N, C-alpha and C. Protein backbone atom coordinates (compact mmCIF):
# COMPACT_ATOMS: atom_id res chain seq x y z
N MET A 1 45.60 -5.46 -7.04
CA MET A 1 45.09 -5.26 -8.39
C MET A 1 44.40 -3.91 -8.47
N GLY A 2 44.79 -3.08 -9.41
CA GLY A 2 44.19 -1.77 -9.57
C GLY A 2 42.96 -1.83 -10.46
N LEU A 3 42.16 -0.79 -10.36
CA LEU A 3 40.94 -0.71 -11.18
C LEU A 3 41.25 -0.64 -12.67
N ASP A 4 42.46 -0.19 -13.01
CA ASP A 4 42.82 -0.06 -14.42
C ASP A 4 42.89 -1.41 -15.12
N GLN A 5 42.86 -2.49 -14.38
CA GLN A 5 42.87 -3.83 -14.98
C GLN A 5 41.46 -4.32 -15.30
N LEU A 6 40.46 -3.49 -14.95
CA LEU A 6 39.07 -3.82 -15.28
C LEU A 6 38.65 -3.04 -16.52
N SER A 7 37.68 -3.58 -17.23
CA SER A 7 37.14 -2.84 -18.37
C SER A 7 36.40 -1.61 -17.85
N GLU A 8 36.12 -0.69 -18.75
CA GLU A 8 35.38 0.52 -18.36
C GLU A 8 34.02 0.16 -17.77
N GLN A 9 33.35 -0.81 -18.39
CA GLN A 9 32.04 -1.24 -17.88
C GLN A 9 32.17 -1.88 -16.50
N GLU A 10 33.20 -2.70 -16.29
CA GLU A 10 33.42 -3.34 -14.99
C GLU A 10 33.76 -2.30 -13.92
N GLN A 11 34.57 -1.32 -14.32
CA GLN A 11 34.89 -0.24 -13.38
C GLN A 11 33.63 0.51 -12.98
N SER A 12 32.79 0.82 -13.95
CA SER A 12 31.55 1.55 -13.69
C SER A 12 30.63 0.76 -12.75
N GLU A 13 30.50 -0.53 -13.00
CA GLU A 13 29.65 -1.39 -12.17
C GLU A 13 30.22 -1.48 -10.75
N LEU A 14 31.53 -1.65 -10.65
CA LEU A 14 32.16 -1.74 -9.33
C LEU A 14 32.00 -0.43 -8.57
N MET A 15 32.16 0.69 -9.24
CA MET A 15 32.01 1.99 -8.59
C MET A 15 30.57 2.19 -8.09
N ARG A 16 29.59 1.69 -8.86
CA ARG A 16 28.19 1.78 -8.45
C ARG A 16 27.98 0.99 -7.15
N VAL A 17 28.55 -0.21 -7.08
CA VAL A 17 28.42 -1.04 -5.88
C VAL A 17 29.14 -0.38 -4.71
N ARG A 18 30.36 0.09 -4.95
CA ARG A 18 31.12 0.75 -3.89
C ARG A 18 30.39 1.99 -3.38
N LYS A 19 29.81 2.76 -4.30
CA LYS A 19 29.11 3.98 -3.92
C LYS A 19 27.96 3.65 -2.96
N ARG A 20 27.26 2.56 -3.22
CA ARG A 20 26.16 2.14 -2.35
C ARG A 20 26.69 1.86 -0.93
N VAL A 21 27.81 1.18 -0.85
CA VAL A 21 28.41 0.87 0.46
C VAL A 21 28.90 2.16 1.12
N ILE A 22 29.55 3.02 0.37
CA ILE A 22 30.04 4.29 0.92
C ILE A 22 28.88 5.13 1.45
N GLU A 23 27.78 5.17 0.72
CA GLU A 23 26.59 5.91 1.19
C GLU A 23 26.08 5.33 2.51
N ALA A 24 26.02 4.00 2.60
CA ALA A 24 25.54 3.36 3.83
C ALA A 24 26.49 3.66 4.99
N ILE A 25 27.79 3.58 4.74
CA ILE A 25 28.77 3.90 5.78
C ILE A 25 28.59 5.35 6.22
N GLY A 26 28.47 6.25 5.26
CA GLY A 26 28.29 7.67 5.57
C GLY A 26 27.07 7.93 6.43
N ARG A 27 25.94 7.29 6.07
CA ARG A 27 24.70 7.48 6.84
C ARG A 27 24.82 6.91 8.25
N ASN A 28 25.54 5.83 8.40
CA ASN A 28 25.62 5.18 9.70
C ASN A 28 26.70 5.76 10.61
N MET A 29 27.54 6.63 10.08
CA MET A 29 28.62 7.19 10.89
C MET A 29 28.11 8.16 11.94
N ASP A 30 26.83 8.55 11.87
CA ASP A 30 26.31 9.43 12.91
C ASP A 30 26.35 8.74 14.27
N LEU A 31 26.40 7.40 14.28
CA LEU A 31 26.58 6.65 15.53
C LEU A 31 27.85 7.12 16.24
N TYR A 32 28.86 7.48 15.46
CA TYR A 32 30.13 7.94 16.00
C TYR A 32 30.19 9.47 16.12
N GLY A 33 29.08 10.13 15.82
CA GLY A 33 29.05 11.58 15.88
C GLY A 33 29.81 12.22 14.73
N VAL A 34 29.85 11.52 13.61
CA VAL A 34 30.61 11.96 12.44
C VAL A 34 29.64 12.45 11.37
N THR A 35 30.01 13.54 10.70
CA THR A 35 29.16 14.09 9.64
C THR A 35 29.10 13.13 8.45
N LEU A 36 28.09 13.32 7.63
CA LEU A 36 27.90 12.49 6.44
C LEU A 36 29.12 12.58 5.53
N SER A 37 29.64 13.78 5.31
CA SER A 37 30.78 13.93 4.40
C SER A 37 32.03 13.24 4.96
N THR A 38 32.22 13.28 6.26
CA THR A 38 33.36 12.58 6.86
C THR A 38 33.15 11.07 6.76
N GLY A 39 31.91 10.63 6.88
CA GLY A 39 31.60 9.22 6.68
C GLY A 39 31.90 8.78 5.26
N HIS A 40 31.60 9.65 4.29
CA HIS A 40 31.91 9.35 2.89
C HIS A 40 33.42 9.30 2.69
N LEU A 41 34.14 10.18 3.38
CA LEU A 41 35.60 10.17 3.31
C LEU A 41 36.14 8.84 3.83
N TYR A 42 35.59 8.37 4.94
CA TYR A 42 35.99 7.07 5.47
C TYR A 42 35.72 5.98 4.43
N GLY A 43 34.56 6.04 3.79
CA GLY A 43 34.22 5.06 2.76
C GLY A 43 35.20 5.09 1.60
N LEU A 44 35.60 6.30 1.18
CA LEU A 44 36.60 6.43 0.11
C LEU A 44 37.90 5.74 0.51
N LEU A 45 38.37 6.02 1.73
CA LEU A 45 39.61 5.40 2.20
C LEU A 45 39.46 3.89 2.37
N PHE A 46 38.27 3.46 2.73
CA PHE A 46 38.01 2.03 2.91
C PHE A 46 38.27 1.27 1.61
N PHE A 47 37.89 1.85 0.48
CA PHE A 47 38.06 1.17 -0.80
C PHE A 47 39.35 1.53 -1.51
N ALA A 48 40.11 2.47 -0.98
CA ALA A 48 41.37 2.87 -1.62
C ALA A 48 42.34 1.69 -1.59
N ASP A 49 43.06 1.49 -2.68
CA ASP A 49 44.01 0.38 -2.73
C ASP A 49 45.40 0.79 -2.26
N LYS A 50 45.51 2.04 -1.83
CA LYS A 50 46.78 2.54 -1.29
C LYS A 50 46.48 3.75 -0.41
N PRO A 51 47.40 4.10 0.49
CA PRO A 51 47.19 5.32 1.29
C PRO A 51 47.03 6.54 0.39
N MET A 52 46.26 7.52 0.88
CA MET A 52 45.97 8.70 0.08
C MET A 52 46.41 9.97 0.79
N THR A 53 46.74 10.99 0.01
CA THR A 53 47.05 12.31 0.55
C THR A 53 45.75 13.12 0.64
N LEU A 54 45.82 14.24 1.35
CA LEU A 54 44.66 15.13 1.42
C LEU A 54 44.27 15.63 0.03
N ASP A 55 45.27 15.94 -0.79
CA ASP A 55 45.00 16.41 -2.15
C ASP A 55 44.24 15.35 -2.95
N GLU A 56 44.69 14.10 -2.85
CA GLU A 56 44.01 13.02 -3.59
C GLU A 56 42.58 12.83 -3.11
N MET A 57 42.39 12.90 -1.80
CA MET A 57 41.04 12.75 -1.24
C MET A 57 40.15 13.91 -1.71
N GLY A 58 40.68 15.12 -1.66
CA GLY A 58 39.92 16.29 -2.07
C GLY A 58 39.52 16.20 -3.54
N HIS A 59 40.45 15.72 -4.37
CA HIS A 59 40.16 15.56 -5.80
C HIS A 59 39.05 14.52 -6.00
N GLU A 60 39.15 13.40 -5.34
CA GLU A 60 38.15 12.32 -5.48
C GLU A 60 36.78 12.75 -4.99
N MET A 61 36.76 13.49 -3.89
CA MET A 61 35.48 13.86 -3.28
C MET A 61 35.00 15.24 -3.72
N LYS A 62 35.83 15.91 -4.50
CA LYS A 62 35.50 17.27 -4.96
C LYS A 62 35.21 18.20 -3.78
N MET A 63 36.12 18.14 -2.81
CA MET A 63 36.02 18.98 -1.61
C MET A 63 37.35 19.69 -1.41
N SER A 64 37.32 20.75 -0.64
CA SER A 64 38.53 21.53 -0.39
C SER A 64 39.49 20.76 0.51
N LYS A 65 40.75 21.15 0.43
CA LYS A 65 41.78 20.53 1.27
C LYS A 65 41.47 20.78 2.75
N THR A 66 40.90 21.95 3.05
CA THR A 66 40.53 22.28 4.43
C THR A 66 39.46 21.32 4.94
N SER A 67 38.44 21.06 4.11
CA SER A 67 37.39 20.12 4.51
C SER A 67 37.96 18.72 4.69
N MET A 68 38.85 18.34 3.79
CA MET A 68 39.48 17.01 3.90
C MET A 68 40.29 16.94 5.19
N SER A 69 41.03 17.99 5.48
CA SER A 69 41.87 18.02 6.68
C SER A 69 41.01 17.88 7.94
N THR A 70 39.90 18.59 7.98
CA THR A 70 38.99 18.52 9.13
C THR A 70 38.43 17.11 9.27
N GLY A 71 37.99 16.53 8.16
CA GLY A 71 37.44 15.17 8.18
C GLY A 71 38.47 14.14 8.62
N VAL A 72 39.68 14.25 8.07
CA VAL A 72 40.74 13.31 8.42
C VAL A 72 41.11 13.46 9.89
N ARG A 73 41.18 14.70 10.38
CA ARG A 73 41.50 14.93 11.79
C ARG A 73 40.46 14.25 12.68
N THR A 74 39.19 14.37 12.32
CA THR A 74 38.12 13.71 13.07
C THR A 74 38.33 12.20 13.07
N LEU A 75 38.60 11.64 11.90
CA LEU A 75 38.79 10.19 11.80
C LEU A 75 40.05 9.73 12.52
N LEU A 76 41.09 10.56 12.52
CA LEU A 76 42.31 10.24 13.29
C LEU A 76 42.01 10.21 14.79
N ASP A 77 41.27 11.24 15.26
CA ASP A 77 40.92 11.31 16.67
C ASP A 77 40.11 10.10 17.11
N LEU A 78 39.27 9.60 16.20
CA LEU A 78 38.44 8.43 16.51
C LEU A 78 39.17 7.11 16.25
N LYS A 79 40.43 7.22 15.81
CA LYS A 79 41.27 6.06 15.49
C LYS A 79 40.65 5.21 14.38
N MET A 80 39.95 5.87 13.47
CA MET A 80 39.34 5.16 12.34
C MET A 80 40.23 5.19 11.10
N VAL A 81 41.20 6.11 11.08
CA VAL A 81 42.22 6.13 10.04
C VAL A 81 43.58 6.30 10.72
N ASN A 82 44.60 5.91 9.99
CA ASN A 82 45.97 6.01 10.49
C ASN A 82 46.80 6.83 9.52
N LYS A 83 47.71 7.63 10.07
CA LYS A 83 48.69 8.33 9.25
C LYS A 83 49.81 7.32 9.00
N VAL A 84 50.22 7.20 7.76
CA VAL A 84 51.26 6.24 7.42
C VAL A 84 52.41 6.94 6.72
N TRP A 85 53.56 6.32 6.79
CA TRP A 85 54.75 6.84 6.14
C TRP A 85 55.03 5.99 4.92
N GLU A 86 55.41 6.66 3.85
CA GLU A 86 55.75 5.94 2.63
C GLU A 86 57.07 6.50 2.12
N LYS A 87 58.00 5.63 1.86
CA LYS A 87 59.32 6.04 1.38
C LYS A 87 59.19 6.91 0.13
N GLY A 88 59.87 8.05 0.15
CA GLY A 88 59.88 8.94 -1.00
C GLY A 88 58.75 9.96 -1.02
N SER A 89 57.78 9.83 -0.13
CA SER A 89 56.66 10.77 -0.11
C SER A 89 56.91 11.82 0.96
N ARG A 90 56.69 13.08 0.59
CA ARG A 90 56.87 14.16 1.55
C ARG A 90 55.54 14.63 2.12
N LYS A 91 54.44 14.10 1.59
CA LYS A 91 53.12 14.48 2.06
C LYS A 91 52.60 13.44 3.05
N ASP A 92 51.70 13.89 3.92
CA ASP A 92 51.07 12.95 4.85
C ASP A 92 50.14 12.03 4.07
N LEU A 93 50.19 10.76 4.41
CA LEU A 93 49.33 9.76 3.77
C LEU A 93 48.45 9.13 4.83
N TYR A 94 47.24 8.76 4.43
CA TYR A 94 46.27 8.21 5.37
C TYR A 94 45.65 6.94 4.79
N GLU A 95 45.41 6.01 5.68
CA GLU A 95 44.70 4.79 5.30
C GLU A 95 43.70 4.46 6.40
N VAL A 96 42.68 3.74 6.01
CA VAL A 96 41.61 3.38 6.94
C VAL A 96 42.10 2.29 7.89
N GLU A 97 41.56 2.29 9.09
CA GLU A 97 41.79 1.20 10.04
C GLU A 97 40.77 0.13 9.68
N TYR A 98 41.27 -1.00 9.20
CA TYR A 98 40.36 -2.05 8.73
C TYR A 98 39.81 -2.92 9.85
N ASP A 99 40.39 -2.86 11.01
CA ASP A 99 39.89 -3.66 12.13
C ASP A 99 38.72 -2.93 12.78
N TRP A 100 37.52 -3.20 12.31
CA TRP A 100 36.33 -2.52 12.80
C TRP A 100 36.05 -2.86 14.25
N TYR A 101 36.47 -4.01 14.70
CA TYR A 101 36.31 -4.37 16.11
C TYR A 101 37.14 -3.41 16.98
N GLN A 102 38.38 -3.18 16.54
CA GLN A 102 39.25 -2.27 17.29
C GLN A 102 38.73 -0.84 17.23
N THR A 103 38.21 -0.45 16.07
CA THR A 103 37.64 0.89 15.94
C THR A 103 36.48 1.07 16.91
N PHE A 104 35.60 0.08 16.98
CA PHE A 104 34.48 0.11 17.92
C PHE A 104 35.00 0.22 19.35
N ASN A 105 35.95 -0.65 19.69
CA ASN A 105 36.53 -0.63 21.04
C ASN A 105 37.11 0.74 21.38
N ASP A 106 37.95 1.24 20.49
CA ASP A 106 38.61 2.52 20.74
C ASP A 106 37.60 3.64 20.91
N PHE A 107 36.66 3.72 19.97
CA PHE A 107 35.69 4.81 20.01
C PHE A 107 34.86 4.78 21.28
N PHE A 108 34.23 3.65 21.54
CA PHE A 108 33.34 3.61 22.68
C PHE A 108 34.10 3.64 24.00
N ALA A 109 35.26 3.03 24.05
CA ALA A 109 36.04 3.10 25.28
C ALA A 109 36.43 4.55 25.58
N ILE A 110 36.87 5.28 24.56
CA ILE A 110 37.27 6.68 24.75
C ILE A 110 36.07 7.52 25.19
N LYS A 111 34.96 7.42 24.46
CA LYS A 111 33.78 8.23 24.76
C LYS A 111 33.17 7.84 26.11
N TRP A 112 32.98 6.56 26.33
CA TRP A 112 32.34 6.11 27.57
C TRP A 112 33.22 6.39 28.78
N ARG A 113 34.54 6.19 28.65
CA ARG A 113 35.45 6.43 29.78
C ARG A 113 35.36 7.89 30.20
N LYS A 114 35.34 8.78 29.24
CA LYS A 114 35.24 10.22 29.54
C LYS A 114 33.92 10.52 30.27
N ALA A 115 32.83 9.96 29.77
CA ALA A 115 31.52 10.18 30.40
C ALA A 115 31.49 9.59 31.80
N VAL A 116 32.04 8.39 31.96
CA VAL A 116 32.07 7.74 33.27
C VAL A 116 32.84 8.59 34.27
N GLU A 117 34.04 9.02 33.89
CA GLU A 117 34.86 9.81 34.80
C GLU A 117 34.18 11.12 35.18
N THR A 118 33.63 11.80 34.19
CA THR A 118 32.94 13.07 34.45
C THR A 118 31.76 12.86 35.39
N ASN A 119 30.91 11.89 35.07
CA ASN A 119 29.71 11.67 35.86
C ASN A 119 30.02 11.14 37.26
N LEU A 120 31.02 10.27 37.40
CA LEU A 120 31.39 9.79 38.73
C LEU A 120 31.91 10.93 39.60
N ASN A 121 32.70 11.82 39.01
CA ASN A 121 33.20 12.97 39.78
C ASN A 121 32.06 13.86 40.25
N ILE A 122 31.11 14.12 39.35
CA ILE A 122 29.97 14.97 39.70
C ILE A 122 29.11 14.28 40.76
N LEU A 123 28.85 12.99 40.57
CA LEU A 123 28.04 12.26 41.55
C LEU A 123 28.72 12.23 42.92
N LYS A 124 30.02 11.95 42.97
CA LYS A 124 30.73 11.91 44.25
C LYS A 124 30.65 13.25 44.95
N ARG A 125 30.93 14.31 44.21
CA ARG A 125 30.87 15.65 44.79
C ARG A 125 29.46 15.97 45.29
N SER A 126 28.45 15.59 44.53
CA SER A 126 27.07 15.87 44.90
C SER A 126 26.63 15.04 46.11
N ILE A 127 27.03 13.77 46.14
CA ILE A 127 26.70 12.91 47.30
C ILE A 127 27.34 13.48 48.56
N ASP A 128 28.60 13.90 48.47
CA ASP A 128 29.29 14.50 49.61
C ASP A 128 28.61 15.78 50.06
N GLU A 129 28.23 16.61 49.09
CA GLU A 129 27.57 17.88 49.41
C GLU A 129 26.24 17.62 50.12
N LEU A 130 25.47 16.65 49.61
CA LEU A 130 24.20 16.32 50.27
C LEU A 130 24.44 15.75 51.66
N GLY A 131 25.52 14.96 51.82
CA GLY A 131 25.85 14.40 53.13
C GLY A 131 26.11 15.49 54.16
N LYS A 132 26.83 16.53 53.77
CA LYS A 132 27.09 17.65 54.67
C LYS A 132 25.79 18.38 55.02
N TRP A 133 24.94 18.55 54.01
CA TRP A 133 23.66 19.22 54.21
C TRP A 133 22.79 18.40 55.17
N ILE A 134 22.78 17.09 54.96
CA ILE A 134 22.00 16.19 55.82
C ILE A 134 22.47 16.29 57.26
N SER A 135 23.78 16.36 57.46
CA SER A 135 24.33 16.39 58.83
C SER A 135 24.03 17.69 59.56
N ARG A 136 23.77 18.76 58.81
CA ARG A 136 23.54 20.04 59.51
C ARG A 136 22.07 20.44 59.56
N THR A 137 21.19 19.70 58.86
CA THR A 137 19.77 20.08 58.92
C THR A 137 19.05 19.27 59.99
N GLU A 138 18.08 19.89 60.59
CA GLU A 138 17.28 19.20 61.60
C GLU A 138 15.87 18.94 61.10
N ASP A 139 15.55 19.45 59.93
CA ASP A 139 14.21 19.26 59.35
C ASP A 139 14.13 17.87 58.74
N GLU A 140 13.29 17.02 59.30
CA GLU A 140 13.17 15.63 58.86
C GLU A 140 12.63 15.52 57.43
N ASN A 141 11.77 16.43 57.02
CA ASN A 141 11.25 16.40 55.65
C ASN A 141 12.37 16.69 54.64
N VAL A 142 13.21 17.67 54.97
CA VAL A 142 14.35 18.00 54.11
C VAL A 142 15.31 16.81 54.07
N LYS A 143 15.60 16.22 55.24
CA LYS A 143 16.50 15.06 55.30
C LYS A 143 15.99 13.93 54.43
N LYS A 144 14.68 13.69 54.49
CA LYS A 144 14.08 12.60 53.72
C LYS A 144 14.29 12.83 52.21
N ILE A 145 14.09 14.05 51.76
CA ILE A 145 14.29 14.39 50.34
C ILE A 145 15.76 14.22 49.96
N LEU A 146 16.65 14.75 50.82
CA LEU A 146 18.08 14.67 50.54
C LEU A 146 18.57 13.23 50.53
N LEU A 147 18.11 12.43 51.46
CA LEU A 147 18.50 11.01 51.51
C LEU A 147 17.99 10.27 50.27
N GLY A 148 16.78 10.62 49.81
CA GLY A 148 16.25 10.02 48.58
C GLY A 148 17.11 10.36 47.37
N ASP A 149 17.52 11.63 47.28
CA ASP A 149 18.40 12.04 46.18
C ASP A 149 19.75 11.34 46.27
N GLN A 150 20.25 11.24 47.48
CA GLN A 150 21.54 10.60 47.69
C GLN A 150 21.47 9.12 47.27
N ARG A 151 20.36 8.45 47.59
CA ARG A 151 20.18 7.04 47.21
C ARG A 151 20.17 6.91 45.68
N LYS A 152 19.45 7.80 45.00
CA LYS A 152 19.40 7.78 43.53
C LYS A 152 20.79 7.99 42.94
N MET A 153 21.54 8.90 43.54
CA MET A 153 22.89 9.17 43.04
C MET A 153 23.82 7.98 43.26
N ARG A 154 23.64 7.27 44.38
CA ARG A 154 24.46 6.07 44.63
C ARG A 154 24.12 4.97 43.63
N GLU A 155 22.84 4.86 43.28
CA GLU A 155 22.43 3.88 42.26
C GLU A 155 23.04 4.25 40.91
N ALA A 156 23.04 5.52 40.58
CA ALA A 156 23.67 5.97 39.34
C ALA A 156 25.17 5.67 39.38
N THR A 157 25.79 5.84 40.53
CA THR A 157 27.22 5.54 40.69
C THR A 157 27.47 4.06 40.42
N GLU A 158 26.59 3.19 40.91
CA GLU A 158 26.74 1.75 40.65
C GLU A 158 26.70 1.47 39.15
N TYR A 159 25.79 2.13 38.44
CA TYR A 159 25.71 1.96 36.99
C TYR A 159 27.02 2.38 36.34
N TYR A 160 27.56 3.54 36.71
CA TYR A 160 28.79 4.02 36.09
C TYR A 160 29.97 3.13 36.44
N MET A 161 29.97 2.53 37.61
CA MET A 161 31.03 1.58 37.97
C MET A 161 30.92 0.33 37.08
N TRP A 162 29.67 -0.11 36.82
CA TRP A 162 29.46 -1.24 35.91
C TRP A 162 29.94 -0.88 34.50
N LEU A 163 29.59 0.31 34.03
CA LEU A 163 30.01 0.75 32.72
C LEU A 163 31.53 0.82 32.64
N ASP A 164 32.17 1.21 33.71
CA ASP A 164 33.63 1.25 33.77
C ASP A 164 34.20 -0.16 33.58
N ARG A 165 33.58 -1.15 34.21
CA ARG A 165 34.03 -2.54 34.04
C ARG A 165 33.78 -3.02 32.61
N LEU A 166 32.67 -2.61 32.01
CA LEU A 166 32.39 -2.96 30.62
C LEU A 166 33.48 -2.38 29.71
N ILE A 167 33.86 -1.14 29.96
CA ILE A 167 34.92 -0.51 29.18
C ILE A 167 36.22 -1.30 29.34
N ASP A 168 36.50 -1.76 30.56
CA ASP A 168 37.69 -2.58 30.79
C ASP A 168 37.67 -3.84 29.92
N THR A 169 36.47 -4.47 29.78
CA THR A 169 36.39 -5.68 28.95
C THR A 169 36.61 -5.35 27.47
N LEU A 170 36.20 -4.16 27.04
CA LEU A 170 36.47 -3.74 25.67
C LEU A 170 37.97 -3.55 25.46
N GLU A 171 38.58 -2.80 26.37
CA GLU A 171 39.99 -2.46 26.22
C GLU A 171 40.90 -3.68 26.34
N SER A 172 40.53 -4.64 27.17
CA SER A 172 41.36 -5.83 27.36
C SER A 172 41.11 -6.89 26.29
N GLY A 173 40.01 -6.75 25.56
CA GLY A 173 39.64 -7.76 24.57
C GLY A 173 38.83 -8.89 25.17
N GLU A 174 38.61 -8.85 26.47
CA GLU A 174 37.84 -9.90 27.16
C GLU A 174 36.41 -9.98 26.61
N ILE A 175 35.92 -8.88 26.04
CA ILE A 175 34.57 -8.86 25.48
C ILE A 175 34.39 -9.97 24.44
N TYR A 176 35.49 -10.34 23.75
CA TYR A 176 35.40 -11.35 22.70
C TYR A 176 35.26 -12.76 23.26
N ASN A 177 35.55 -12.93 24.55
CA ASN A 177 35.26 -14.21 25.20
C ASN A 177 33.76 -14.32 25.47
N LEU A 178 33.13 -13.18 25.69
CA LEU A 178 31.70 -13.14 25.97
C LEU A 178 30.87 -13.10 24.68
N VAL A 179 31.35 -12.31 23.73
CA VAL A 179 30.69 -12.17 22.43
C VAL A 179 31.77 -12.36 21.37
N PRO A 180 31.95 -13.59 20.89
CA PRO A 180 33.02 -13.85 19.92
C PRO A 180 32.84 -13.03 18.63
N LYS A 181 33.97 -12.69 18.01
CA LYS A 181 33.94 -11.93 16.76
C LYS A 181 33.28 -12.73 15.65
N HIS A 182 33.50 -14.01 15.63
CA HIS A 182 32.99 -14.86 14.55
C HIS A 182 32.15 -15.98 15.15
N GLU A 183 31.05 -16.28 14.47
CA GLU A 183 30.17 -17.35 14.94
C GLU A 183 30.53 -18.69 14.32
N GLY A 184 31.48 -18.71 13.43
CA GLY A 184 31.85 -19.96 12.79
C GLY A 184 31.15 -20.18 11.46
N HIS A 185 30.28 -19.27 11.08
CA HIS A 185 29.63 -19.35 9.77
C HIS A 185 29.29 -17.93 9.30
N GLU A 186 29.12 -17.80 8.03
CA GLU A 186 28.83 -16.49 7.45
C GLU A 186 27.33 -16.23 7.46
N LYS A 187 26.93 -15.02 7.85
CA LYS A 187 25.52 -14.63 7.81
C LYS A 187 25.17 -13.95 6.51
N ALA A 188 26.12 -13.18 5.97
CA ALA A 188 25.84 -12.38 4.76
C ALA A 188 25.88 -13.22 3.51
């Protein structure tokens, strides 16, 4: 059902309610490292009743096609919107990913996995480097400091290994066995 089936007053009231939600989405998108305007773009797509082109988004948001393109690219990278094909259309069309659980999984799995891999590599290299230093020094005070640092780095490694397993539960969907998507009743 399109908005044109509502009276002008109903359309105005609905737009006021939608705007409130879009503003909240925009403000909260900083959790994903997304700018306010890109968050508003996501909100626009969230309420769109059909996929939109960059031109349509730019017209609705009164922003340039370049700004829309940058925002959409960010949302595509985060898997928060999808490029869709529509018969007869020669322009790229975009629609929001409505599965917020999957969006959360994708975003945090991608970001956390990258951080885990980077930090584990650095920690491994640093632990090895300290191990070589420990083996060639004869100063017990230096050894004590190096062993303490090495212990701290091994503890950090354990944390990143745990985080890696958490990411696995997100990617496999096993997280929903631990924290179900639905509690069986509505809170809102």
